[in-house]
Protein backbone atom coordinates (compact mmCIF):
# COMPACT_ATOMS: atom_id res chain seq x y z
CA MET A 1 98.02 51.70 33.65
CA VAL A 2 100.25 50.21 36.34
CA GLN A 3 98.42 48.16 38.96
CA ASP A 4 99.68 47.91 42.53
CA TYR A 5 99.47 44.52 44.21
CA GLN A 6 100.18 43.60 47.78
CA VAL A 7 100.89 40.18 49.28
CA ARG A 8 100.99 40.20 53.06
CA LEU A 9 102.63 37.50 55.18
CA VAL A 10 100.64 37.48 58.40
CA GLY A 11 100.81 35.78 61.77
CA LYS A 12 98.01 33.95 63.54
CA GLN A 13 96.43 36.98 65.24
CA GLU A 14 96.46 39.16 62.12
CA TRP A 15 95.13 36.23 60.03
CA GLU A 16 92.11 35.97 62.35
CA LYS A 17 91.48 39.71 62.04
CA VAL A 18 91.77 39.66 58.26
CA VAL A 19 89.48 36.70 57.65
CA HIS A 20 86.77 38.32 59.75
CA SER A 21 87.19 41.76 58.17
CA ASP A 22 85.09 41.12 55.05
CA THR A 23 82.02 38.95 54.51
CA ARG A 24 83.52 37.74 51.22
CA TYR A 25 86.17 35.91 53.28
CA GLN A 26 83.64 33.85 55.25
CA HIS A 27 84.74 30.63 53.52
CA VAL A 28 88.35 31.08 54.71
CA ASN A 29 88.99 28.80 57.66
CA LYS A 30 91.77 27.49 59.90
CA ASP A 31 93.02 25.09 57.22
CA ASN A 32 93.66 27.79 54.62
CA LEU A 33 97.22 28.94 54.06
CA GLY A 34 96.46 31.88 51.84
CA PHE A 35 93.94 33.70 49.72
CA ALA A 36 93.91 36.41 47.08
CA ASP A 37 91.33 39.16 46.97
CA THR A 38 91.40 40.12 43.31
CA LYS A 39 88.90 42.92 43.87
CA HIS A 40 91.20 44.75 46.31
CA HIS A 41 94.47 43.55 44.68
CA THR A 42 95.70 42.14 47.99
CA ALA A 43 96.64 38.62 48.99
CA TYR A 44 97.23 37.23 52.44
CA VAL A 45 99.50 34.32 53.28
CA ARG A 46 99.59 32.71 56.69
CA ASN A 47 103.14 32.59 58.04
CA THR A 48 104.11 28.91 58.18
CA TYR A 49 107.60 29.65 59.59
CA TRP A 50 108.97 27.47 56.78
CA PRO A 51 110.78 29.92 54.48
CA LEU A 52 110.50 27.77 51.35
CA LEU A 53 106.80 27.13 51.89
CA ASN A 54 106.18 30.82 52.60
CA ARG A 55 108.00 31.73 49.39
CA TYR A 56 105.90 29.27 47.39
CA LEU A 57 102.63 30.53 48.89
CA ILE A 58 103.54 34.18 48.31
CA LYS A 59 104.45 33.45 44.67
CA HIS A 60 101.26 31.45 44.18
CA GLU A 61 98.99 34.19 45.54
CA PHE A 62 100.85 36.89 43.63
CA GLU A 63 100.24 34.96 40.41
CA HIS A 64 96.52 34.90 41.18
CA LEU A 65 96.52 38.66 41.68
CA VAL A 66 98.41 39.40 38.46
CA GLU A 67 96.34 37.00 36.39
CA GLY A 68 93.12 38.14 38.02
CA PHE A 69 92.36 34.45 38.29
CA CYS A 70 90.19 33.24 41.07
CA LEU A 71 88.38 29.96 41.65
CA LEU A 72 85.36 31.87 42.89
CA ASP A 73 86.09 35.07 40.96
CA SER A 74 82.72 35.32 39.31
CA LEU A 75 81.02 35.02 42.69
CA ILE A 76 83.12 36.87 45.23
CA GLY A 77 86.60 37.65 43.85
CA VAL A 78 88.51 35.63 46.44
CA ASP A 79 90.82 32.69 45.78
CA VAL A 80 91.76 30.38 48.62
CA ILE A 81 94.64 27.97 49.11
CA VAL A 82 93.54 25.04 51.21
CA ALA A 83 96.30 22.85 52.49
CA THR A 84 97.29 20.94 55.52
CA ALA A 85 100.84 20.30 56.56
CA GLU A 86 102.44 18.48 59.42
CA ARG A 87 105.80 19.59 60.65
CA SER A 88 108.04 16.73 61.59
CA LEU A 89 110.44 17.46 64.38
């Protein structure tokens, strides 16, 4: 059986809507750059406006979806990337 996966690159406003759309996402906060919901086969990546970083985050979350791997999978089925980055101008 073929499984469909979706990784969405979202802006700030959509990120806020998504993280408040499901109680399983309550641990996602302003420092998170992405998370994978293995139950719904969808991952969300916050748009960093750095193409290489976005590409890495998308690939990382997609791998979590395909593998079905999740740090908290046994509890809630959501994996979270926590990272902080400073953009030097």
